[in-house]
């Protein structure tokens, strides 16, 4: 799958391991796991292959986030993305969300 990033800070986290955006700073172990999860997203042939990775908790979101899909980085964070199964399959990473904020 081709990986695209909706926001610059997500691209910087993946390629540089850090971001200049002070609003989106994460601890080194979170960045390391984020990079590992994006590598897994990059390695699959189709999005449904993510079900094989139980630790990712792949799911299609519903409600106000309908149209998005997510995988877990760890128990605290998840990555939200949009996938395309069209020729030239791609995943566009939209956000990294802290779960405790999401459920408040």
PDB file of N, CA and C in Angstrom:
ATOM      1  N   UNK A   1       0.844  -1.183   0.000  1.00  0.00           N
ATOM      2  CA  UNK A   1       0.000   0.000   0.000  1.00  0.00           C
ATOM      3  C   UNK A   1       0.885   1.240   0.000  1.00  0.00           C
ATOM      4  N   UNK A   2       0.442   2.237  -0.677  1.00  0.00           N
ATOM      5  CA  UNK A   2       1.153   3.516  -0.663  1.00  0.00           C
ATOM      6  C   UNK A   2       0.653   4.323   0.533  1.00  0.00           C
ATOM      7  N   UNK A   3       1.573   4.859   1.306  1.00  0.00           N
ATOM      8  CA  UNK A   3       1.214   5.635   2.496  1.00  0.00           C
ATOM      9  C   UNK A   3       1.301   7.124   2.171  1.00  0.00           C
ATOM     10  N   UNK A   4       0.234   7.839   2.510  1.00  0.00           N
ATOM     11  CA  UNK A   4       0.204   9.291   2.360  1.00  0.00           C
ATOM     12  C   UNK A   4      -0.152   9.877   3.720  1.00  0.00           C
ATOM     13  N   UNK A   5       0.211  11.121   3.919  1.00  0.00           N
ATOM     14  CA  UNK A   5      -0.039  11.776   5.198  1.00  0.00           C
ATOM     15  C   UNK A   5      -0.864  13.028   4.950  1.00  0.00           C
ATOM     16  N   UNK A   6      -1.956  13.171   5.703  1.00  0.00           N
ATOM     17  CA  UNK A   6      -2.833  14.330   5.549  1.00  0.00           C
ATOM     18  C   UNK A   6      -2.204  15.590   6.142  1.00  0.00           C
ATOM     19  N   UNK A   7      -1.411  15.413   7.192  1.00  0.00           N
ATOM     20  CA  UNK A   7      -0.830  16.569   7.881  1.00  0.00           C
ATOM     21  C   UNK A   7       0.683  16.438   7.934  1.00  0.00           C
ATOM     22  N   UNK A   8       1.370  17.565   7.885  1.00  0.00           N
ATOM     23  CA  UNK A   8       2.837  17.578   7.874  1.00  0.00           C
ATOM     24  C   UNK A   8       3.441  16.942   9.118  1.00  0.00           C
ATOM     25  N   UNK A   9       2.851  17.189  10.290  1.00  0.00           N
ATOM     26  CA  UNK A   9       3.451  16.651  11.506  1.00  0.00           C
ATOM     27  C   UNK A   9       3.460  15.123  11.506  1.00  0.00           C
ATOM     28  N   UNK A  10       2.464  14.495  10.856  1.00  0.00           N
ATOM     29  CA  UNK A  10       2.432  13.031  10.769  1.00  0.00           C
ATOM     30  C   UNK A  10       3.567  12.510   9.892  1.00  0.00           C
ATOM     31  N   UNK A  11       3.840  13.218   8.807  1.00  0.00           N
ATOM     32  CA  UNK A  11       4.948  12.861   7.919  1.00  0.00           C
ATOM     33  C   UNK A  11       6.281  13.030   8.650  1.00  0.00           C
ATOM     34  N   UNK A  12       6.438  14.147   9.365  1.00  0.00           N
ATOM     35  CA  UNK A  12       7.678  14.410  10.107  1.00  0.00           C
ATOM     36  C   UNK A  12       7.916  13.349  11.177  1.00  0.00           C
ATOM     37  N   UNK A  13       6.854  12.948  11.889  1.00  0.00           N
ATOM     38  CA  UNK A  13       7.004  11.914  12.911  1.00  0.00           C
ATOM     39  C   UNK A  13       7.511  10.615  12.298  1.00  0.00           C
ATOM     40  N   UNK A  14       6.993  10.280  11.118  1.00  0.00           N
ATOM     41  CA  UNK A  14       7.380   9.022  10.484  1.00  0.00           C
ATOM     42  C   UNK A  14       8.804   9.073   9.931  1.00  0.00           C
ATOM     43  N   UNK A  15       9.124  10.116   9.193  1.00  0.00           N
ATOM     44  CA  UNK A  15      10.428  10.174   8.531  1.00  0.00           C
ATOM     45  C   UNK A  15      11.554  10.694   9.427  1.00  0.00           C
ATOM     46  N   UNK A  16      11.247  11.630  10.333  1.00  0.00           N
ATOM     47  CA  UNK A  16      12.281  12.246  11.160  1.00  0.00           C
ATOM     48  C   UNK A  16      12.275  11.752  12.608  1.00  0.00           C
ATOM     49  N   UNK A  17      11.172  11.111  13.025  1.00  0.00           N
ATOM     50  CA  UNK A  17      11.071  10.651  14.404  1.00  0.00           C
ATOM     51  C   UNK A  17      10.722  11.754  15.383  1.00  0.00           C
ATOM     52  N   UNK A  18      10.448  12.938  14.870  1.00  0.00           N
ATOM     53  CA  UNK A  18      10.046  14.077  15.709  1.00  0.00           C
ATOM     54  C   UNK A  18       9.361  15.088  14.808  1.00  0.00           C
ATOM     55  N   UNK A  19       8.735  16.066  15.441  1.00  0.00           N
ATOM     56  CA  UNK A  19       8.055  17.109  14.678  1.00  0.00           C
ATOM     57  C   UNK A  19       8.385  18.479  15.259  1.00  0.00           C
ATOM     58  N   UNK A  20       8.373  19.473  14.428  1.00  0.00           N
ATOM     59  CA  UNK A  20       8.605  20.840  14.883  1.00  0.00           C
ATOM     60  C   UNK A  20       7.334  21.488  15.415  1.00  0.00           C
ATOM     61  N   UNK A  21       6.195  20.834  15.194  1.00  0.00           N
ATOM     62  CA  UNK A  21       4.907  21.330  15.649  1.00  0.00           C
ATOM     63  C   UNK A  21       4.790  21.087  17.158  1.00  0.00           C
ATOM     64  N   UNK A  22       4.863  22.140  17.954  1.00  0.00           N
ATOM     65  CA  UNK A  22       4.876  22.004  19.414  1.00  0.00           C
ATOM     66  C   UNK A  22       3.580  21.411  19.955  1.00  0.00           C
ATOM     67  N   UNK A  23       2.521  21.508  19.204  1.00  0.00           N
ATOM     68  CA  UNK A  23       1.232  20.986  19.632  1.00  0.00           C
ATOM     69  C   UNK A  23       1.175  19.453  19.527  1.00  0.00           C
ATOM     70  N   UNK A  24       2.038  18.870  18.697  1.00  0.00           N
ATOM     71  CA  UNK A  24       2.001  17.427  18.450  1.00  0.00           C
ATOM     72  C   UNK A  24       3.332  16.766  18.785  1.00  0.00           C
ATOM     73  N   UNK A  25       3.737  16.889  20.019  1.00  0.00           N
ATOM     74  CA  UNK A  25       4.970  16.236  20.476  1.00  0.00           C
ATOM     75  C   UNK A  25       4.576  14.991  21.248  1.00  0.00           C
ATOM     76  N   UNK A  26       5.291  13.915  21.000  1.00  0.00           N
ATOM     77  CA  UNK A  26       4.999  12.642  21.642  1.00  0.00           C
ATOM     78  C   UNK A  26       6.260  12.071  22.257  1.00  0.00           C
ATOM     79  N   UNK A  27       6.087  11.204  23.238  1.00  0.00           N
ATOM     80  CA  UNK A  27       7.214  10.552  23.878  1.00  0.00           C
ATOM     81  C   UNK A  27       7.892   9.625  22.873  1.00  0.00           C
ATOM     82  N   UNK A  28       9.210   9.425  23.019  1.00  0.00           N
ATOM     83  CA  UNK A  28       9.963   8.607  22.053  1.00  0.00           C
ATOM     84  C   UNK A  28       9.395   7.209  21.841  1.00  0.00           C
ATOM     85  N   UNK A  29       8.900   6.554  22.896  1.00  0.00           N
ATOM     86  CA  UNK A  29       8.368   5.206  22.710  1.00  0.00           C
ATOM     87  C   UNK A  29       7.077   5.220  21.894  1.00  0.00           C
ATOM     88  N   UNK A  30       6.289   6.293  21.981  1.00  0.00           N
ATOM     89  CA  UNK A  30       5.072   6.415  21.176  1.00  0.00           C
ATOM     90  C   UNK A  30       5.458   6.612  19.712  1.00  0.00           C
ATOM     91  N   UNK A  31       6.443   7.464  19.462  1.00  0.00           N
ATOM     92  CA  UNK A  31       6.902   7.706  18.084  1.00  0.00           C
ATOM     93  C   UNK A  31       7.439   6.413  17.478  1.00  0.00           C
ATOM     94  N   UNK A  32       8.189   5.654  18.253  1.00  0.00           N
ATOM     95  CA  UNK A  32       8.757   4.391  17.780  1.00  0.00           C
ATOM     96  C   UNK A  32       7.643   3.411  17.376  1.00  0.00           C
ATOM     97  N   UNK A  33       6.615   3.307  18.211  1.00  0.00           N
ATOM     98  CA  UNK A  33       5.490   2.417  17.903  1.00  0.00           C
ATOM     99  C   UNK A  33       4.681   2.952  16.727  1.00  0.00           C
ATOM    100  N   UNK A  34       4.524   4.266  16.632  1.00  0.00           N
ATOM    101  CA  UNK A  34       3.827   4.883  15.499  1.00  0.00           C
ATOM    102  C   UNK A  34       4.526   4.498  14.191  1.00  0.00           C
ATOM    103  N   UNK A  35       5.847   4.608  14.171  1.00  0.00           N
ATOM    104  CA  UNK A  35       6.621   4.254  12.977  1.00  0.00           C
ATOM    105  C   UNK A  35       6.430   2.782  12.645  1.00  0.00           C
ATOM    106  N   UNK A  36       6.451   1.922  13.659  1.00  0.00           N
ATOM    107  CA  UNK A  36       6.279   0.484  13.431  1.00  0.00           C
ATOM    108  C   UNK A  36       4.895   0.177  12.856  1.00  0.00           C
ATOM    109  N   UNK A  37       3.855   0.839  13.364  1.00  0.00           N
ATOM    110  CA  UNK A  37       2.495   0.609  12.870  1.00  0.00           C
ATOM    111  C   UNK A  37       2.362   1.118  11.432  1.00  0.00           C
ATOM    112  N   UNK A  38       2.933   2.264  11.117  1.00  0.00           N
ATOM    113  CA  UNK A  38       2.885   2.779   9.740  1.00  0.00           C
ATOM    114  C   UNK A  38       3.627   1.826   8.808  1.00  0.00           C
ATOM    115  N   UNK A  39       4.732   1.246   9.261  1.00  0.00           N
ATOM    116  CA  UNK A  39       5.442   0.245   8.453  1.00  0.00           C
ATOM    117  C   UNK A  39       4.557  -0.963   8.177  1.00  0.00           C
ATOM    118  N   UNK A  40       3.777  -1.389   9.166  1.00  0.00           N
ATOM    119  CA  UNK A  40       2.843  -2.506   8.955  1.00  0.00           C
ATOM    120  C   UNK A  40       1.784  -2.113   7.941  1.00  0.00           C
ATOM    121  N   UNK A  41       1.235  -0.904   8.068  1.00  0.00           N
ATOM    122  CA  UNK A  41       0.235  -0.427   7.104  1.00  0.00           C
ATOM    123  C   UNK A  41       0.813  -0.440   5.688  1.00  0.00           C
ATOM    124  N   UNK A  42       2.067  -0.059   5.575  1.00  0.00           N
ATOM    125  CA  UNK A  42       2.741  -0.015   4.281  1.00  0.00           C
ATOM    126  C   UNK A  42       2.947  -1.420   3.709  1.00  0.00           C
ATOM    127  N   UNK A  43       3.103  -2.414   4.571  1.00  0.00           N
ATOM    128  CA  UNK A  43       3.456  -3.756   4.115  1.00  0.00           C
ATOM    129  C   UNK A  43       2.270  -4.605   3.663  1.00  0.00           C
ATOM    130  N   UNK A  44       1.054  -4.257   4.064  1.00  0.00           N
ATOM    131  CA  UNK A  44      -0.094  -5.099   3.699  1.00  0.00           C
ATOM    132  C   UNK A  44      -0.524  -4.854   2.260  1.00  0.00           C
ATOM    133  N   UNK A  45      -1.085  -5.903   1.646  1.00  0.00           N
ATOM    134  CA  UNK A  45      -1.576  -5.796   0.272  1.00  0.00           C
ATOM    135  C   UNK A  45      -2.965  -5.182   0.213  1.00  0.00           C
ATOM    136  N   UNK A  46      -3.775  -5.472   1.205  1.00  0.00           N
ATOM    137  CA  UNK A  46      -5.108  -4.877   1.297  1.00  0.00           C
ATOM    138  C   UNK A  46      -5.429  -4.639   2.761  1.00  0.00           C
ATOM    139  N   UNK A  47      -6.318  -3.711   3.015  1.00  0.00           N
ATOM    140  CA  UNK A  47      -6.594  -3.264   4.376  1.00  0.00           C
ATOM    141  C   UNK A  47      -7.124  -4.402   5.242  1.00  0.00           C
ATOM    142  N   UNK A  48      -7.895  -5.307   4.678  1.00  0.00           N
ATOM    143  CA  UNK A  48      -8.443  -6.404   5.474  1.00  0.00           C
ATOM    144  C   UNK A  48      -7.343  -7.311   6.032  1.00  0.00           C
ATOM    145  N   UNK A  49      -6.143  -7.261   5.479  1.00  0.00           N
ATOM    146  CA  UNK A  49      -5.017  -8.023   6.027  1.00  0.00           C
ATOM    147  C   UNK A  49      -4.659  -7.552   7.438  1.00  0.00           C
ATOM    148  N   UNK A  50      -5.098  -6.359   7.818  1.00  0.00           N
ATOM    149  CA  UNK A  50      -4.790  -5.826   9.151  1.00  0.00           C
ATOM    150  C   UNK A  50      -5.475  -6.628  10.255  1.00  0.00           C
ATOM    151  N   UNK A  51      -6.549  -7.370   9.911  1.00  0.00           N
ATOM    152  CA  UNK A  51      -7.211  -8.214  10.906  1.00  0.00           C
ATOM    153  C   UNK A  51      -6.269  -9.290  11.449  1.00  0.00           C
ATOM    154  N   UNK A  52      -5.248  -9.655  10.696  1.00  0.00           N
ATOM    155  CA  UNK A  52      -4.278 -10.668  11.139  1.00  0.00           C
ATOM    156  C   UNK A  52      -3.448 -10.188  12.324  1.00  0.00           C
ATOM    157  N   UNK A  53      -3.309  -8.878  12.466  1.00  0.00           N
ATOM    158  CA  UNK A  53      -2.500  -8.294  13.541  1.00  0.00           C
ATOM    159  C   UNK A  53      -3.423  -7.920  14.705  1.00  0.00           C
ATOM    160  N   UNK A  54      -3.637  -8.856  15.616  1.00  0.00           N
ATOM    161  CA  UNK A  54      -4.589  -8.637  16.719  1.00  0.00           C
ATOM    162  C   UNK A  54      -4.246  -7.416  17.564  1.00  0.00           C
ATOM    163  N   UNK A  55      -2.973  -7.144  17.769  1.00  0.00           N
ATOM    164  CA  UNK A  55      -2.557  -6.027  18.616  1.00  0.00           C
ATOM    165  C   UNK A  55      -2.961  -4.672  18.029  1.00  0.00           C
ATOM    166  N   UNK A  56      -3.208  -4.617  16.724  1.00  0.00           N
ATOM    167  CA  UNK A  56      -3.585  -3.344  16.100  1.00  0.00           C
ATOM    168  C   UNK A  56      -5.049  -2.982  16.343  1.00  0.00           C
ATOM    169  N   UNK A  57      -5.898  -3.957  16.655  1.00  0.00           N
ATOM    170  CA  UNK A  57      -7.333  -3.702  16.865  1.00  0.00           C
ATOM    171  C   UNK A  57      -7.934  -2.909  15.701  1.00  0.00           C
ATOM    172  N   UNK A  58      -7.692  -3.373  14.479  1.00  0.00           N
ATOM    173  CA  UNK A  58      -8.212  -2.681  13.295  1.00  0.00           C
ATOM    174  C   UNK A  58      -9.728  -2.610  13.354  1.00  0.00           C
ATOM    175  N   UNK A  59     -10.275  -1.431  13.051  1.00  0.00           N
ATOM    176  CA  UNK A  59     -11.727  -1.279  12.995  1.00  0.00           C
ATOM    177  C   UNK A  59     -12.106  -0.137  12.073  1.00  0.00           C
ATOM    178  N   UNK A  60     -13.305  -0.265  11.494  1.00  0.00           N
ATOM    179  CA  UNK A  60     -13.902   0.836  10.745  1.00  0.00           C
ATOM    180  C   UNK A  60     -14.728   1.626  11.738  1.00  0.00           C
ATOM    181  N   UNK A  61     -14.526   2.929  11.751  1.00  0.00           N
ATOM    182  CA  UNK A  61     -15.202   3.772  12.738  1.00  0.00           C
ATOM    183  C   UNK A  61     -16.618   4.096  12.296  1.00  0.00           C
ATOM    184  N   UNK A  62     -17.461   4.388  13.256  1.00  0.00           N
ATOM    185  CA  UNK A  62     -18.868   4.699  12.983  1.00  0.00           C
ATOM    186  C   UNK A  62     -19.225   6.038  13.618  1.00  0.00           C
ATOM    187  N   UNK A  63     -20.456   6.429  13.452  1.00  0.00           N
ATOM    188  CA  UNK A  63     -20.936   7.669  14.056  1.00  0.00           C
ATOM    189  C   UNK A  63     -20.349   8.891  13.377  1.00  0.00           C
ATOM    190  N   UNK A  64     -19.851   9.855  14.178  1.00  0.00           N
ATOM    191  CA  UNK A  64     -19.307  11.085  13.618  1.00  0.00           C
ATOM    192  C   UNK A  64     -17.980  10.863  12.907  1.00  0.00           C
ATOM    193  N   UNK A  65     -17.392   9.682  13.059  1.00  0.00           N
ATOM    194  CA  UNK A  65     -16.127   9.373  12.384  1.00  0.00           C
ATOM    195  C   UNK A  65     -16.326   8.337  11.278  1.00  0.00           C
ATOM    196  N   UNK A  66     -17.540   8.177  10.803  1.00  0.00           N
ATOM    197  CA  UNK A  66     -17.840   7.222   9.730  1.00  0.00           C
ATOM    198  C   UNK A  66     -16.985   7.558   8.509  1.00  0.00           C
ATOM    199  N   UNK A  67     -16.461   6.526   7.866  1.00  0.00           N
ATOM    200  CA  UNK A  67     -15.586   6.718   6.715  1.00  0.00           C
ATOM    201  C   UNK A  67     -14.120   6.593   7.076  1.00  0.00           C
ATOM    202  N   UNK A  68     -13.817   6.693   8.370  1.00  0.00           N
ATOM    203  CA  UNK A  68     -12.442   6.524   8.844  1.00  0.00           C
ATOM    204  C   UNK A  68     -12.246   5.107   9.360  1.00  0.00           C
ATOM    205  N   UNK A  69     -11.004   4.676   9.355  1.00  0.00           N
ATOM    206  CA  UNK A  69     -10.628   3.397   9.933  1.00  0.00           C
ATOM    207  C   UNK A  69      -9.536   3.684  10.948  1.00  0.00           C
ATOM    208  N   UNK A  70      -9.304   2.738  11.865  1.00  0.00           N
ATOM    209  CA  UNK A  70      -8.262   2.999  12.857  1.00  0.00           C
ATOM    210  C   UNK A  70      -7.531   1.719  13.245  1.00  0.00           C
ATOM    211  N   UNK A  71      -6.311   1.919  13.718  1.00  0.00           N
ATOM    212  CA  UNK A  71      -5.497   0.870  14.322  1.00  0.00           C
ATOM    213  C   UNK A  71      -4.877   1.470  15.580  1.00  0.00           C
ATOM    214  N   UNK A  72      -4.580   0.615  16.526  1.00  0.00           N
ATOM    215  CA  UNK A  72      -3.996   1.076  17.777  1.00  0.00           C
ATOM    216  C   UNK A  72      -2.480   1.168  17.661  1.00  0.00           C
ATOM    217  N   UNK A  73      -1.925   2.217  18.237  1.00  0.00           N
ATOM    218  CA  UNK A  73      -0.481   2.334  18.391  1.00  0.00           C
ATOM    219  C   UNK A  73      -0.112   1.623  19.695  1.00  0.00           C
ATOM    220  N   UNK A  74      -0.871   1.902  20.739  1.00  0.00           N
ATOM    221  CA  UNK A  74      -0.761   1.221  22.032  1.00  0.00           C
ATOM    222  C   UNK A  74      -2.102   1.391  22.732  1.00  0.00           C
ATOM    223  N   UNK A  75      -2.170   1.153  24.033  1.00  0.00           N
ATOM    224  CA  UNK A  75      -3.454   1.277  24.741  1.00  0.00           C
ATOM    225  C   UNK A  75      -3.933   2.717  24.832  1.00  0.00           C
ATOM    226  N   UNK A  76      -3.042   3.669  24.612  1.00  0.00           N
ATOM    227  CA  UNK A  76      -3.372   5.079  24.801  1.00  0.00           C
ATOM    228  C   UNK A  76      -3.638   5.821  23.483  1.00  0.00           C
ATOM    229  N   UNK A  77      -3.028   5.389  22.378  1.00  0.00           N
ATOM    230  CA  UNK A  77      -3.122   6.123  21.108  1.00  0.00           C
ATOM    231  C   UNK A  77      -3.598   5.228  19.968  1.00  0.00           C
ATOM    232  N   UNK A  78      -4.273   5.848  19.005  1.00  0.00           N
ATOM    233  CA  UNK A  78      -4.637   5.148  17.779  1.00  0.00           C
ATOM    234  C   UNK A  78      -4.382   6.055  16.586  1.00  0.00           C
ATOM    235  N   UNK A  79      -4.203   5.428  15.434  1.00  0.00           N
ATOM    236  CA  UNK A  79      -4.023   6.145  14.173  1.00  0.00           C
ATOM    237  C   UNK A  79      -5.330   6.032  13.397  1.00  0.00           C
ATOM    238  N   UNK A  80      -5.835   7.164  12.959  1.00  0.00           N
ATOM    239  CA  UNK A  80      -7.024   7.179  12.101  1.00  0.00           C
ATOM    240  C   UNK A  80      -6.569   7.385  10.671  1.00  0.00           C
ATOM    241  N   UNK A  81      -7.190   6.644   9.740  1.00  0.00           N
ATOM    242  CA  UNK A  81      -6.793   6.735   8.348  1.00  0.00           C
ATOM    243  C   UNK A  81      -7.963   6.444   7.422  1.00  0.00           C
ATOM    244  N   UNK A  82      -7.760   6.772   6.158  1.00  0.00           N
ATOM    245  CA  UNK A  82      -8.707   6.469   5.093  1.00  0.00           C
ATOM    246  C   UNK A  82      -7.973   5.591   4.100  1.00  0.00           C
ATOM    247  N   UNK A  83      -8.613   4.520   3.658  1.00  0.00           N
ATOM    248  CA  UNK A  83      -7.955   3.624   2.701  1.00  0.00           C
ATOM    249  C   UNK A  83      -8.696   3.644   1.374  1.00  0.00           C
ATOM    250  N   UNK A  84      -7.964   3.322   0.330  1.00  0.00           N
ATOM    251  CA  UNK A  84      -8.523   3.236  -1.012  1.00  0.00           C
ATOM    252  C   UNK A  84      -8.103   1.911  -1.607  1.00  0.00           C
ATOM    253  N   UNK A  85      -9.066   1.121  -2.052  1.00  0.00           N
ATOM    254  CA  UNK A  85      -8.775  -0.180  -2.661  1.00  0.00           C
ATOM    255  C   UNK A  85      -8.700  -0.066  -4.182  1.00  0.00           C
ATOM    256  N   UNK A  86      -8.764   1.141  -4.683  1.00  0.00           N
ATOM    257  CA  UNK A  86      -8.659   1.380  -6.126  1.00  0.00           C
ATOM    258  C   UNK A  86      -7.278   0.958  -6.613  1.00  0.00           C
ATOM    259  N   UNK A  87      -7.088   0.852  -7.939  1.00  0.00           N
ATOM    260  CA  UNK A  87      -5.727   0.601  -8.432  1.00  0.00           C
ATOM    261  C   UNK A  87      -4.787   1.670  -7.878  1.00  0.00           C
ATOM    262  N   UNK A  88      -3.597   1.251  -7.498  1.00  0.00           N
ATOM    263  CA  UNK A  88      -2.688   2.178  -6.823  1.00  0.00           C
ATOM    264  C   UNK A  88      -3.135   2.359  -5.388  1.00  0.00           C
ATOM    265  N   UNK A  89      -3.473   1.247  -4.752  1.00  0.00           N
ATOM    266  CA  UNK A  89      -4.018   1.232  -3.396  1.00  0.00           C
ATOM    267  C   UNK A  89      -3.232   2.157  -2.474  1.00  0.00           C
ATOM    268  N   UNK A  90      -3.973   2.893  -1.642  1.00  0.00           N
ATOM    269  CA  UNK A  90      -3.281   3.823  -0.750  1.00  0.00           C
ATOM    270  C   UNK A  90      -3.985   3.918   0.598  1.00  0.00           C
ATOM    271  N   UNK A  91      -3.220   4.352   1.575  1.00  0.00           N
ATOM    272  CA  UNK A  91      -3.731   4.661   2.901  1.00  0.00           C
ATOM    273  C   UNK A  91      -3.305   6.094   3.195  1.00  0.00           C
ATOM    274  N   UNK A  92      -4.262   6.931   3.559  1.00  0.00           N
ATOM    275  CA  UNK A  92      -3.957   8.300   3.942  1.00  0.00           C
ATOM    276  C   UNK A  92      -4.127   8.414   5.449  1.00  0.00           C
ATOM    277  N   UNK A  93      -3.032   8.652   6.142  1.00  0.00           N
ATOM    278  CA  UNK A  93      -3.071   8.778   7.591  1.00  0.00           C
ATOM    279  C   UNK A  93      -3.578  10.172   7.934  1.00  0.00           C
ATOM    280  N   UNK A  94      -4.661  10.213   8.710  1.00  0.00           N
ATOM    281  CA  UNK A  94      -5.327  11.475   9.004  1.00  0.00           C
ATOM    282  C   UNK A  94      -4.953  12.052  10.355  1.00  0.00           C
ATOM    283  N   UNK A  95      -4.731  11.175  11.344  1.00  0.00           N
ATOM    284  CA  UNK A  95      -4.562  11.688  12.692  1.00  0.00           C
ATOM    285  C   UNK A  95      -3.963  10.632  13.607  1.00  0.00           C
ATOM    286  N   UNK A  96      -3.364  11.078  14.686  1.00  0.00           N
ATOM    287  CA  UNK A  96      -3.008  10.198  15.794  1.00  0.00           C
ATOM    288  C   UNK A  96      -3.741  10.776  17.000  1.00  0.00           C
ATOM    289  N   UNK A  97      -4.579   9.956  17.610  1.00  0.00           N
ATOM    290  CA  UNK A  97      -5.511  10.412  18.637  1.00  0.00           C
ATOM    291  C   UNK A  97      -5.199   9.737  19.966  1.00  0.00           C
ATOM    292  N   UNK A  98      -5.255  10.515  21.025  1.00  0.00           N
ATOM    293  CA  UNK A  98      -5.139   9.941  22.365  1.00  0.00           C
ATOM    294  C   UNK A  98      -6.514   9.436  22.738  1.00  0.00           C
ATOM    295  N   UNK A  99      -6.620   8.150  23.055  1.00  0.00           N
ATOM    296  CA  UNK A  99      -7.917   7.530  23.310  1.00  0.00           C
ATOM    297  C   UNK A  99      -8.636   8.127  24.504  1.00  0.00           C
ATOM    298  N   UNK A 100      -7.922   8.472  25.555  1.00  0.00           N
ATOM    299  CA  UNK A 100      -8.586   9.022  26.739  1.00  0.00           C
ATOM    300  C   UNK A 100      -9.300  10.336  26.408  1.00  0.00           C
ATOM    301  N   UNK A 101      -8.753  11.129  25.468  1.00  0.00           N
ATOM    302  CA  UNK A 101      -9.434  12.360  25.048  1.00  0.00           C
ATOM    303  C   UNK A 101     -10.658  12.056  24.224  1.00  0.00           C
ATOM    304  N   UNK A 102     -10.588  10.991  23.428  1.00  0.00           N
ATOM    305  CA  UNK A 102     -11.686  10.639  22.532  1.00  0.00           C
ATOM    306  C   UNK A 102     -12.928  10.231  23.307  1.00  0.00           C
ATOM    307  N   UNK A 103     -12.756   9.537  24.417  1.00  0.00           N
ATOM    308  CA  UNK A 103     -13.893   8.998  25.144  1.00  0.00           C
ATOM    309  C   UNK A 103     -14.410   9.895  26.253  1.00  0.00           C
ATOM    310  N   UNK A 104     -13.864  11.101  26.410  1.00  0.00           N
ATOM    311  CA  UNK A 104     -14.340  12.023  27.451  1.00  0.00           C
ATOM    312  C   UNK A 104     -15.640  12.657  27.031  1.00  0.00           C
TER     313      UNK A 104
END
